[in-house]
Amino acid sequence: NKGVYVSVPDMAAIIDIYQVRRLIECDSLTHAYALHPAVQKMKLAVAEARKHEKTEDWVGVGTANMKFHTAIVELSDSERLIKLYHNIAAELRLAFGHLNDAKLLYAPYIDKNQAILELLDAGKNQEAAAALLHYLDLSERTLLAAYKRSQSLL
């Protein structure tokens, strides 16, 4: 569309997005309870990702992954945090545009999502939050490396 400009997050924005994600998502897991309705959404998102993985539909896996993380935030029961996360997730999708390989972006995280879910189901909230913290660190590094590569090609 003529006159329309979409801002793609730069390195500072990516770092900031992940800082916000760590604060919101890890805290949500720490204080969650296993019978929360969002846990079922997390389970459905993992099952959906597994289904898409079998057909190598990596965009579908990515959509399921975003549902998983949205459900984590829903564990907070805070409409403000959920709204904030939706805005962060929109920026994150723009940042993911730096990666041309959806499989590289999403495949490693299916098992990680399953492991976080299993820890939460077992009542090991602190361990689930620690696993997510490590996961987000890895995801951030992957995205920052992709951003640097894309900038060097310009």
N, C-alpha and C. Protein backbone atom coordinates (compact mmCIF):
# COMPACT_ATOMS: atom_id res chain seq x y z
N ASN A 1 0.84 -1.19 0.00
CA ASN A 1 0.00 0.00 0.00
C ASN A 1 0.87 1.24 0.00
N LYS A 2 0.54 2.14 -0.88
CA LYS A 2 1.31 3.37 -1.00
C LYS A 2 1.21 4.20 0.28
N GLY A 3 2.38 4.64 0.76
CA GLY A 3 2.38 5.48 1.95
C GLY A 3 2.35 4.72 3.26
N VAL A 4 2.33 3.40 3.20
CA VAL A 4 2.29 2.61 4.42
C VAL A 4 3.70 2.14 4.74
N TYR A 5 4.11 2.31 5.99
CA TYR A 5 5.43 1.91 6.43
C TYR A 5 5.29 0.99 7.63
N VAL A 6 5.92 -0.17 7.57
CA VAL A 6 5.90 -1.11 8.68
C VAL A 6 7.28 -1.11 9.30
N SER A 7 7.34 -0.76 10.57
CA SER A 7 8.61 -0.71 11.28
C SER A 7 9.01 -2.11 11.71
N VAL A 8 10.22 -2.51 11.32
CA VAL A 8 10.75 -3.80 11.74
C VAL A 8 11.64 -3.56 12.95
N PRO A 9 11.45 -4.30 14.02
CA PRO A 9 12.25 -4.07 15.23
C PRO A 9 13.75 -4.20 14.96
N ASP A 10 14.52 -3.28 15.55
CA ASP A 10 15.97 -3.36 15.45
C ASP A 10 16.51 -4.16 16.64
N MET A 11 17.83 -4.25 16.78
CA MET A 11 18.42 -5.06 17.84
C MET A 11 17.97 -4.60 19.23
N ALA A 12 17.95 -3.31 19.45
CA ALA A 12 17.53 -2.80 20.77
C ALA A 12 16.09 -3.18 21.07
N ALA A 13 15.23 -3.10 20.07
CA ALA A 13 13.82 -3.47 20.26
C ALA A 13 13.68 -4.97 20.54
N ILE A 14 14.46 -5.79 19.84
CA ILE A 14 14.41 -7.24 20.07
C ILE A 14 14.83 -7.55 21.50
N ILE A 15 15.90 -6.93 21.96
CA ILE A 15 16.36 -7.14 23.34
C ILE A 15 15.28 -6.72 24.33
N ASP A 16 14.64 -5.59 24.06
CA ASP A 16 13.58 -5.09 24.93
C ASP A 16 12.37 -6.03 24.94
N ILE A 17 12.00 -6.52 23.77
CA ILE A 17 10.87 -7.46 23.66
C ILE A 17 11.14 -8.68 24.54
N TYR A 18 12.33 -9.22 24.45
CA TYR A 18 12.65 -10.42 25.24
C TYR A 18 12.74 -10.12 26.72
N GLN A 19 13.16 -8.92 27.10
CA GLN A 19 13.15 -8.54 28.51
C GLN A 19 11.72 -8.56 29.05
N VAL A 20 10.81 -7.98 28.29
CA VAL A 20 9.40 -7.97 28.70
C VAL A 20 8.85 -9.40 28.76
N ARG A 21 9.20 -10.21 27.76
CA ARG A 21 8.73 -11.60 27.75
C ARG A 21 9.22 -12.35 28.98
N ARG A 22 10.49 -12.17 29.34
CA ARG A 22 11.02 -12.85 30.53
C ARG A 22 10.24 -12.46 31.78
N LEU A 23 10.00 -11.16 31.91
CA LEU A 23 9.28 -10.68 33.09
C LEU A 23 7.86 -11.25 33.16
N ILE A 24 7.14 -11.18 32.06
CA ILE A 24 5.74 -11.60 32.06
C ILE A 24 5.60 -13.12 32.10
N GLU A 25 6.24 -13.80 31.16
CA GLU A 25 6.02 -15.24 31.02
C GLU A 25 6.60 -16.05 32.18
N CYS A 26 7.81 -15.73 32.58
CA CYS A 26 8.41 -16.51 33.68
C CYS A 26 7.64 -16.31 34.97
N ASP A 27 7.22 -15.07 35.24
CA ASP A 27 6.42 -14.82 36.44
C ASP A 27 5.08 -15.53 36.36
N SER A 28 4.48 -15.56 35.19
CA SER A 28 3.19 -16.25 35.04
C SER A 28 3.33 -17.73 35.36
N LEU A 29 4.42 -18.34 34.90
CA LEU A 29 4.65 -19.76 35.21
C LEU A 29 4.92 -19.97 36.69
N THR A 30 5.69 -19.08 37.28
CA THR A 30 6.04 -19.22 38.70
C THR A 30 4.79 -19.24 39.58
N HIS A 31 3.81 -18.44 39.23
CA HIS A 31 2.62 -18.30 40.07
C HIS A 31 1.40 -19.06 39.56
N ALA A 32 1.57 -19.89 38.57
CA ALA A 32 0.44 -20.62 37.97
C ALA A 32 0.02 -21.80 38.83
N TYR A 33 -1.18 -22.26 38.57
CA TYR A 33 -1.63 -23.52 39.18
C TYR A 33 -2.04 -24.46 38.05
N ALA A 34 -1.80 -25.74 38.26
CA ALA A 34 -1.94 -26.75 37.20
C ALA A 34 -3.35 -26.87 36.64
N LEU A 35 -4.36 -26.49 37.39
CA LEU A 35 -5.73 -26.64 36.91
C LEU A 35 -6.27 -25.37 36.23
N HIS A 36 -5.42 -24.41 36.02
CA HIS A 36 -5.83 -23.18 35.34
C HIS A 36 -6.27 -23.53 33.92
N PRO A 37 -7.34 -22.93 33.42
CA PRO A 37 -7.81 -23.23 32.05
C PRO A 37 -6.76 -22.98 30.96
N ALA A 38 -5.84 -22.06 31.18
CA ALA A 38 -4.81 -21.79 30.18
C ALA A 38 -3.86 -22.97 30.00
N VAL A 39 -3.74 -23.82 31.02
CA VAL A 39 -2.88 -25.00 30.89
C VAL A 39 -3.43 -25.91 29.78
N GLN A 40 -4.74 -26.03 29.70
CA GLN A 40 -5.33 -26.82 28.62
C GLN A 40 -5.01 -26.20 27.26
N LYS A 41 -5.00 -24.88 27.18
CA LYS A 41 -4.63 -24.21 25.93
C LYS A 41 -3.18 -24.50 25.58
N MET A 42 -2.33 -24.56 26.59
CA MET A 42 -0.92 -24.89 26.35
C MET A 42 -0.81 -26.30 25.79
N LYS A 43 -1.57 -27.24 26.37
CA LYS A 43 -1.56 -28.63 25.89
C LYS A 43 -2.04 -28.72 24.45
N LEU A 44 -3.12 -28.00 24.14
CA LEU A 44 -3.64 -28.01 22.77
C LEU A 44 -2.64 -27.41 21.79
N ALA A 45 -1.92 -26.38 22.22
CA ALA A 45 -0.92 -25.75 21.35
C ALA A 45 0.23 -26.70 21.06
N VAL A 46 0.66 -27.46 22.06
CA VAL A 46 1.74 -28.44 21.85
C VAL A 46 1.25 -29.53 20.90
N ALA A 47 0.03 -30.00 21.10
CA ALA A 47 -0.52 -31.04 20.21
C ALA A 47 -0.64 -30.52 18.78
N GLU A 48 -1.05 -29.27 18.63
CA GLU A 48 -1.17 -28.66 17.30
C GLU A 48 0.21 -28.55 16.65
N ALA A 49 1.21 -28.16 17.42
CA ALA A 49 2.57 -28.05 16.89
C ALA A 49 3.07 -29.42 16.43
N ARG A 50 2.79 -30.46 17.20
CA ARG A 50 3.21 -31.82 16.83
C ARG A 50 2.55 -32.25 15.52
N LYS A 51 1.27 -31.90 15.37
CA LYS A 51 0.55 -32.25 14.14
C LYS A 51 1.20 -31.56 12.93
N HIS A 52 1.51 -30.30 13.08
CA HIS A 52 2.13 -29.55 11.98
C HIS A 52 3.57 -30.02 11.73
N GLU A 53 4.24 -30.44 12.77
CA GLU A 53 5.61 -30.94 12.63
C GLU A 53 5.64 -32.16 11.71
N LYS A 54 4.66 -33.04 11.86
CA LYS A 54 4.61 -34.26 11.05
C LYS A 54 4.49 -33.96 9.56
N THR A 55 3.83 -32.87 9.22
CA THR A 55 3.67 -32.51 7.80
C THR A 55 4.69 -31.44 7.38
N GLU A 56 5.61 -31.12 8.27
CA GLU A 56 6.63 -30.10 8.04
C GLU A 56 6.02 -28.74 7.68
N ASP A 57 4.90 -28.45 8.30
CA ASP A 57 4.25 -27.15 8.16
C ASP A 57 4.81 -26.26 9.27
N TRP A 58 5.95 -25.62 9.00
CA TRP A 58 6.66 -24.87 10.03
C TRP A 58 5.96 -23.56 10.36
N VAL A 59 5.23 -23.00 9.43
CA VAL A 59 4.43 -21.81 9.73
C VAL A 59 3.32 -22.19 10.72
N GLY A 60 2.71 -23.37 10.51
CA GLY A 60 1.70 -23.87 11.44
C GLY A 60 2.29 -24.12 12.82
N VAL A 61 3.51 -24.65 12.85
CA VAL A 61 4.20 -24.86 14.12
C VAL A 61 4.40 -23.51 14.81
N GLY A 62 4.79 -22.51 14.04
CA GLY A 62 4.99 -21.17 14.59
C GLY A 62 3.72 -20.58 15.17
N THR A 63 2.61 -20.78 14.49
CA THR A 63 1.32 -20.30 15.00
C THR A 63 0.98 -21.00 16.31
N ALA A 64 1.20 -22.30 16.36
CA ALA A 64 0.94 -23.06 17.59
C ALA A 64 1.86 -22.58 18.71
N ASN A 65 3.10 -22.27 18.37
CA ASN A 65 4.05 -21.78 19.36
C ASN A 65 3.58 -20.46 19.96
N MET A 66 3.07 -19.57 19.12
CA MET A 66 2.55 -18.29 19.62
C MET A 66 1.34 -18.52 20.54
N LYS A 67 0.51 -19.50 20.21
CA LYS A 67 -0.63 -19.84 21.08
C LYS A 67 -0.15 -20.34 22.43
N PHE A 68 0.92 -21.14 22.42
CA PHE A 68 1.49 -21.66 23.66
C PHE A 68 1.92 -20.50 24.57
N HIS A 69 2.64 -19.55 24.00
CA HIS A 69 3.14 -18.43 24.80
C HIS A 69 2.02 -17.50 25.25
N THR A 70 1.02 -17.32 24.42
CA THR A 70 -0.14 -16.52 24.82
C THR A 70 -0.83 -17.18 26.01
N ALA A 71 -0.95 -18.50 25.97
CA ALA A 71 -1.57 -19.23 27.08
C ALA A 71 -0.75 -19.08 28.36
N ILE A 72 0.57 -19.07 28.24
CA ILE A 72 1.41 -18.84 29.43
C ILE A 72 1.05 -17.50 30.07
N VAL A 73 0.92 -16.48 29.25
CA VAL A 73 0.58 -15.16 29.79
C VAL A 73 -0.83 -15.17 30.38
N GLU A 74 -1.73 -15.92 29.80
CA GLU A 74 -3.09 -16.02 30.33
C GLU A 74 -3.11 -16.63 31.73
N LEU A 75 -2.07 -17.36 32.09
CA LEU A 75 -1.96 -17.90 33.46
C LEU A 75 -1.95 -16.78 34.49
N SER A 76 -1.56 -15.58 34.08
CA SER A 76 -1.47 -14.44 35.00
C SER A 76 -2.83 -13.92 35.43
N ASP A 77 -3.86 -14.21 34.65
CA ASP A 77 -5.21 -13.68 34.89
C ASP A 77 -5.25 -12.15 34.91
N SER A 78 -4.33 -11.53 34.19
CA SER A 78 -4.28 -10.08 34.13
C SER A 78 -4.59 -9.62 32.71
N GLU A 79 -5.71 -8.94 32.55
CA GLU A 79 -6.09 -8.42 31.23
C GLU A 79 -5.04 -7.44 30.70
N ARG A 80 -4.44 -6.67 31.59
CA ARG A 80 -3.43 -5.71 31.16
C ARG A 80 -2.19 -6.42 30.61
N LEU A 81 -1.74 -7.44 31.32
CA LEU A 81 -0.58 -8.19 30.84
C LEU A 81 -0.88 -8.92 29.53
N ILE A 82 -2.06 -9.47 29.43
CA ILE A 82 -2.45 -10.17 28.20
C ILE A 82 -2.48 -9.20 27.03
N LYS A 83 -3.04 -8.02 27.25
CA LYS A 83 -3.08 -7.00 26.19
C LYS A 83 -1.66 -6.56 25.82
N LEU A 84 -0.83 -6.33 26.83
CA LEU A 84 0.56 -5.96 26.57
C LEU A 84 1.26 -7.05 25.77
N TYR A 85 1.02 -8.31 26.14
CA TYR A 85 1.68 -9.41 25.45
C TYR A 85 1.23 -9.49 23.98
N HIS A 86 -0.03 -9.24 23.71
CA HIS A 86 -0.50 -9.25 22.32
C HIS A 86 0.27 -8.21 21.48
N ASN A 87 0.52 -7.05 22.06
CA ASN A 87 1.31 -6.03 21.36
C ASN A 87 2.75 -6.49 21.17
N ILE A 88 3.32 -7.09 22.20
CA ILE A 88 4.70 -7.60 22.12
C ILE A 88 4.77 -8.71 21.07
N ALA A 89 3.78 -9.59 21.05
CA ALA A 89 3.76 -10.71 20.10
C ALA A 89 3.69 -10.20 18.66
N ALA A 90 2.96 -9.12 18.43
CA ALA A 90 2.88 -8.55 17.09
C ALA A 90 4.25 -8.03 16.65
N GLU A 91 4.95 -7.36 17.55
CA GLU A 91 6.31 -6.89 17.24
C GLU A 91 7.25 -8.07 17.02
N LEU A 92 7.06 -9.11 17.81
CA LEU A 92 7.91 -10.29 17.70
C LEU A 92 7.75 -10.96 16.34
N ARG A 93 6.52 -11.05 15.85
CA ARG A 93 6.30 -11.63 14.52
C ARG A 93 7.04 -10.83 13.44
N LEU A 94 7.08 -9.52 13.59
CA LEU A 94 7.85 -8.71 12.64
C LEU A 94 9.34 -9.02 12.75
N ALA A 95 9.82 -9.19 13.96
CA ALA A 95 11.23 -9.52 14.16
C ALA A 95 11.57 -10.88 13.58
N PHE A 96 10.63 -11.83 13.67
CA PHE A 96 10.86 -13.17 13.12
C PHE A 96 11.05 -13.13 11.61
N GLY A 97 10.64 -12.03 10.99
CA GLY A 97 10.85 -11.88 9.56
C GLY A 97 12.32 -11.87 9.16
N HIS A 98 13.19 -11.67 10.13
CA HIS A 98 14.63 -11.70 9.86
C HIS A 98 15.12 -13.12 9.57
N LEU A 99 14.37 -14.10 10.01
CA LEU A 99 14.76 -15.49 9.77
C LEU A 99 14.02 -16.02 8.56
N ASN A 100 14.76 -16.51 7.62
CA ASN A 100 14.14 -17.05 6.41
C ASN A 100 13.80 -18.52 6.54
N ASP A 101 14.18 -19.14 7.64
CA ASP A 101 14.00 -20.57 7.83
C ASP A 101 13.07 -20.82 9.01
N ALA A 102 11.79 -21.03 8.73
CA ALA A 102 10.81 -21.23 9.80
C ALA A 102 11.11 -22.49 10.60
N LYS A 103 11.65 -23.51 9.94
CA LYS A 103 12.00 -24.74 10.66
C LYS A 103 13.06 -24.44 11.72
N LEU A 104 14.08 -23.71 11.36
CA LEU A 104 15.13 -23.33 12.30
C LEU A 104 14.55 -22.54 13.46
N LEU A 105 13.59 -21.70 13.17
CA LEU A 105 13.00 -20.84 14.18
C LEU A 105 12.11 -21.60 15.16
N TYR A 106 11.35 -22.58 14.68
CA TYR A 106 10.34 -23.20 15.54
C TYR A 106 10.59 -24.64 15.94
N ALA A 107 11.23 -25.43 15.11
CA ALA A 107 11.39 -26.86 15.40
C ALA A 107 12.03 -27.15 16.76
N PRO A 108 13.09 -26.44 17.15
CA PRO A 108 13.74 -26.78 18.42
C PRO A 108 12.87 -26.52 19.65
N TYR A 109 11.82 -25.75 19.48
CA TYR A 109 11.05 -25.33 20.65
C TYR A 109 9.83 -26.20 20.93
N ILE A 110 9.51 -27.11 20.05
CA ILE A 110 8.36 -27.99 20.30
C ILE A 110 8.62 -28.83 21.54
N ASP A 111 9.77 -29.49 21.58
CA ASP A 111 10.11 -30.32 22.74
C ASP A 111 10.27 -29.46 24.00
N LYS A 112 10.80 -28.26 23.84
CA LYS A 112 10.97 -27.37 24.99
C LYS A 112 9.62 -26.95 25.56
N ASN A 113 8.65 -26.69 24.69
CA ASN A 113 7.30 -26.37 25.16
C ASN A 113 6.71 -27.55 25.92
N GLN A 114 6.90 -28.75 25.38
CA GLN A 114 6.40 -29.97 26.04
C GLN A 114 7.04 -30.13 27.42
N ALA A 115 8.34 -29.89 27.52
CA ALA A 115 9.05 -30.04 28.80
C ALA A 115 8.55 -29.02 29.82
N ILE A 116 8.32 -27.79 29.39
CA ILE A 116 7.80 -26.77 30.30
C ILE A 116 6.42 -27.16 30.79
N LEU A 117 5.60 -27.64 29.90
CA LEU A 117 4.26 -28.08 30.26
C LEU A 117 4.30 -29.24 31.26
N GLU A 118 5.19 -30.20 31.05
CA GLU A 118 5.32 -31.33 31.97
C GLU A 118 5.77 -30.87 33.36
N LEU A 119 6.70 -29.92 33.41
CA LEU A 119 7.13 -29.39 34.71
C LEU A 119 5.97 -28.69 35.41
N LEU A 120 5.20 -27.91 34.67
CA LEU A 120 4.05 -27.23 35.25
C LEU A 120 3.02 -28.23 35.76
N ASP A 121 2.75 -29.27 34.97
CA ASP A 121 1.80 -30.31 35.37
C ASP A 121 2.24 -31.02 36.64
N ALA A 122 3.56 -31.13 36.82
CA ALA A 122 4.11 -31.80 38.00
C ALA A 122 4.20 -30.88 39.22
N GLY A 123 3.75 -29.65 39.06
CA GLY A 123 3.79 -28.71 40.17
C GLY A 123 5.17 -28.10 40.38
N LYS A 124 6.04 -28.22 39.39
CA LYS A 124 7.40 -27.70 39.49
C LYS A 124 7.49 -26.35 38.78
N ASN A 125 6.78 -25.41 39.34
CA ASN A 125 6.66 -24.09 38.71
C ASN A 125 8.00 -23.37 38.58
N GLN A 126 8.82 -23.43 39.63
CA GLN A 126 10.12 -22.75 39.57
C GLN A 126 10.99 -23.34 38.46
N GLU A 127 10.96 -24.67 38.34
CA GLU A 127 11.74 -25.33 37.30
C GLU A 127 11.20 -24.99 35.91
N ALA A 128 9.87 -24.91 35.79
CA ALA A 128 9.25 -24.54 34.51
C ALA A 128 9.67 -23.12 34.13
N ALA A 129 9.66 -22.20 35.09
CA ALA A 129 10.05 -20.82 34.83
C ALA A 129 11.54 -20.75 34.45
N ALA A 130 12.38 -21.54 35.13
CA ALA A 130 13.81 -21.56 34.80
C ALA A 130 14.04 -22.12 33.40
N ALA A 131 13.29 -23.15 33.04
CA ALA A 131 13.41 -23.73 31.69
C ALA A 131 12.97 -22.70 30.65
N LEU A 132 11.92 -21.97 30.93
CA LEU A 132 11.46 -20.94 30.00
C LEU A 132 12.48 -19.81 29.89
N LEU A 133 13.10 -19.44 30.99
CA LEU A 133 14.12 -18.39 30.96
C LEU A 133 15.26 -18.79 30.02
N HIS A 134 15.73 -20.03 30.15
CA HIS A 134 16.80 -20.53 29.28
C HIS A 134 16.33 -20.53 27.82
N TYR A 135 15.11 -20.98 27.60
CA TYR A 135 14.48 -21.04 26.27
C TYR A 135 14.43 -19.65 25.64
N LEU A 136 13.98 -18.66 26.41
CA LEU A 136 13.87 -17.30 25.87
C LEU A 136 15.25 -16.72 25.57
N ASP A 137 16.24 -17.05 26.40
CA ASP A 137 17.61 -16.61 26.12
C ASP A 137 18.09 -17.17 24.78
N LEU A 138 17.85 -18.45 24.56
CA LEU A 138 18.25 -19.09 23.31
C LEU A 138 17.51 -18.49 22.11
N SER A 139 16.23 -18.29 22.26
CA SER A 139 15.42 -17.71 21.19
C SER A 139 15.91 -16.29 20.87
N GLU A 140 16.20 -15.51 21.89
CA GLU A 140 16.69 -14.15 21.68
C GLU A 140 18.02 -14.16 20.92
N ARG A 141 18.94 -15.03 21.34
CA ARG A 141 20.24 -15.10 20.67
C ARG A 141 20.08 -15.51 19.20
N THR A 142 19.19 -16.45 18.94
CA THR A 142 18.94 -16.88 17.56
C THR A 142 18.41 -15.73 16.72
N LEU A 143 17.47 -15.00 17.26
CA LEU A 143 16.87 -13.88 16.54
C LEU A 143 17.87 -12.74 16.33
N LEU A 144 18.67 -12.45 17.34
CA LEU A 144 19.68 -11.40 17.20
C LEU A 144 20.73 -11.77 16.15
N ALA A 145 21.13 -13.03 16.13
CA ALA A 145 22.10 -13.49 15.12
C ALA A 145 21.51 -13.35 13.72
N ALA A 146 20.23 -13.70 13.57
CA ALA A 146 19.57 -13.58 12.27
C ALA A 146 19.48 -12.11 11.87
N TYR A 147 19.20 -11.25 12.83
CA TYR A 147 19.13 -9.82 12.54
C TYR A 147 20.48 -9.31 12.05
N LYS A 148 21.54 -9.70 12.73
CA LYS A 148 22.89 -9.27 12.34
C LYS A 148 23.22 -9.74 10.92
N ARG A 149 22.86 -11.00 10.62
CA ARG A 149 23.11 -11.53 9.27
C ARG A 149 22.33 -10.73 8.23
N SER A 150 21.07 -10.43 8.53
CA SER A 150 20.26 -9.70 7.55
C SER A 150 20.80 -8.30 7.33
N GLN A 151 21.36 -7.67 8.35
CA GLN A 151 21.92 -6.33 8.21
C GLN A 151 23.21 -6.34 7.42
N SER A 152 23.99 -7.42 7.54
CA SER A 152 25.24 -7.50 6.80
C SER A 152 25.02 -7.76 5.32
N LEU A 153 23.81 -8.23 4.97
CA LEU A 153 23.49 -8.48 3.56
C LEU A 153 23.02 -7.23 2.84
N LEU A 154 22.71 -6.20 3.62
CA LEU A 154 22.20 -4.95 3.01
C LEU A 154 23.30 -4.14 2.38
